[in-house]
Amino acid sequence: MLPSVPLLQQIGLAILLTVTVGWAVSQARLVRRHRFGAPAGNGTRPLLRAVPRQTGPAGPPSERVELSAAEREAFAGLVRQLDGNERH
């Protein structure tokens, strides 16, 4: 016990620390459950292995845009730049 701190303050500090540790543990469990896709209940929900398709009957329709020759060349240059294969 700390000699210069009254007993009531020490009890309050112990309660506050206990509540803080409990809160931190519960937040860590919630974040871990959300991050790794762990099921919240009985474990019947499968984990997400890939991003679901966004087109098709359940998703929005796909869009198509015609590019000019200059736009296609600029896009190809950007892809080469991002890919690291700078070919001229």
Protein backbone atom coordinates (compact mmCIF):
# COMPACT_ATOMS: atom_id res chain seq x y z
CA MET A 1 0.00 0.00 0.00
CA LEU A 2 1.09 3.52 -0.65
CA PRO A 3 1.55 5.34 2.69
CA SER A 4 0.69 8.84 1.42
CA VAL A 5 -2.54 7.88 -0.40
CA PRO A 6 -5.77 7.30 1.55
CA LEU A 7 -7.32 3.81 1.48
CA LEU A 8 -10.46 5.00 -0.36
CA GLN A 9 -8.35 6.41 -3.20
CA GLN A 10 -6.38 3.15 -3.47
CA ILE A 11 -9.61 1.16 -3.69
CA GLY A 12 -10.90 3.55 -6.35
CA LEU A 13 -7.68 3.24 -8.29
CA ALA A 14 -7.83 -0.56 -8.13
CA ILE A 15 -11.43 -0.55 -9.41
CA LEU A 16 -10.56 1.90 -12.18
CA LEU A 17 -7.58 -0.20 -13.29
CA THR A 18 -9.68 -3.39 -13.25
CA VAL A 19 -12.40 -1.80 -15.38
CA THR A 20 -9.81 -0.36 -17.78
CA VAL A 21 -8.09 -3.72 -18.25
CA GLY A 22 -11.45 -5.43 -18.80
CA TRP A 23 -12.46 -2.84 -21.36
CA ALA A 24 -9.12 -3.13 -23.20
CA VAL A 25 -9.37 -6.93 -23.34
CA SER A 26 -12.94 -6.79 -24.67
CA GLN A 27 -11.95 -4.24 -27.33
CA ALA A 28 -9.00 -6.39 -28.41
CA ARG A 29 -11.27 -9.42 -28.76
CA LEU A 30 -13.79 -7.43 -30.82
CA VAL A 31 -11.10 -6.07 -33.13
CA ARG A 32 -9.54 -9.52 -33.57
CA ARG A 33 -12.94 -11.06 -34.30
CA HIS A 34 -13.72 -8.37 -36.84
CA ARG A 35 -10.28 -8.40 -38.50
CA PHE A 36 -9.98 -12.14 -38.98
CA GLY A 37 -13.66 -12.75 -39.76
CA ALA A 38 -14.17 -15.08 -36.83
CA PRO A 39 -17.81 -15.99 -36.39
CA ALA A 40 -19.62 -14.21 -33.58
CA GLY A 41 -21.92 -17.10 -32.69
CA ASN A 42 -21.84 -20.83 -33.22
CA GLY A 43 -19.14 -20.91 -35.91
CA THR A 44 -21.35 -21.80 -38.88
CA ARG A 45 -20.45 -18.77 -40.98
CA PRO A 46 -17.56 -19.52 -43.38
CA LEU A 47 -14.58 -17.19 -43.55
CA LEU A 48 -14.30 -14.85 -46.50
CA ARG A 49 -11.53 -16.19 -48.76
CA ALA A 50 -11.89 -13.68 -51.63
CA VAL A 51 -13.79 -10.58 -52.63
CA PRO A 52 -17.21 -11.60 -53.98
CA ARG A 53 -18.00 -10.85 -57.60
CA GLN A 54 -19.64 -7.48 -58.05
CA THR A 55 -21.28 -8.16 -61.40
CA GLY A 56 -24.00 -10.57 -62.34
CA PRO A 57 -27.59 -10.93 -61.21
CA ALA A 58 -26.88 -9.82 -57.63
CA GLY A 59 -24.49 -6.98 -58.44
CA PRO A 60 -24.51 -3.80 -60.49
CA PRO A 61 -24.22 -4.06 -64.27
CA SER A 62 -20.73 -3.89 -65.74
CA GLU A 63 -19.69 -0.80 -67.66
CA ARG A 64 -17.63 -0.51 -70.80
CA VAL A 65 -15.84 2.60 -72.02
CA GLU A 66 -14.17 2.90 -75.40
CA LEU A 67 -10.68 4.41 -75.21
CA SER A 68 -8.92 6.33 -77.93
CA ALA A 69 -5.55 5.13 -79.21
CA ALA A 70 -3.74 7.80 -77.18
CA GLU A 71 -5.63 6.81 -74.02
CA ARG A 72 -4.83 3.11 -74.59
CA GLU A 73 -1.14 3.93 -75.03
CA ALA A 74 -1.11 6.11 -71.91
CA PHE A 75 -2.80 3.35 -69.93
CA ALA A 76 -0.36 0.75 -71.23
CA GLY A 77 2.53 3.02 -70.20
CA LEU A 78 1.04 3.38 -66.72
CA VAL A 79 0.65 -0.38 -66.39
CA ARG A 80 4.25 -0.94 -67.49
CA GLN A 81 5.39 1.71 -65.00
CA LEU A 82 3.46 0.12 -62.12
CA ASP A 83 4.55 -3.37 -63.14
CA GLY A 84 8.22 -2.36 -63.15
CA ASN A 85 8.82 -3.63 -66.68
CA GLU A 86 9.72 -0.38 -68.40
CA ARG A 87 9.93 -1.45 -72.06
CA HIS A 88 10.24 1.16 -74.79
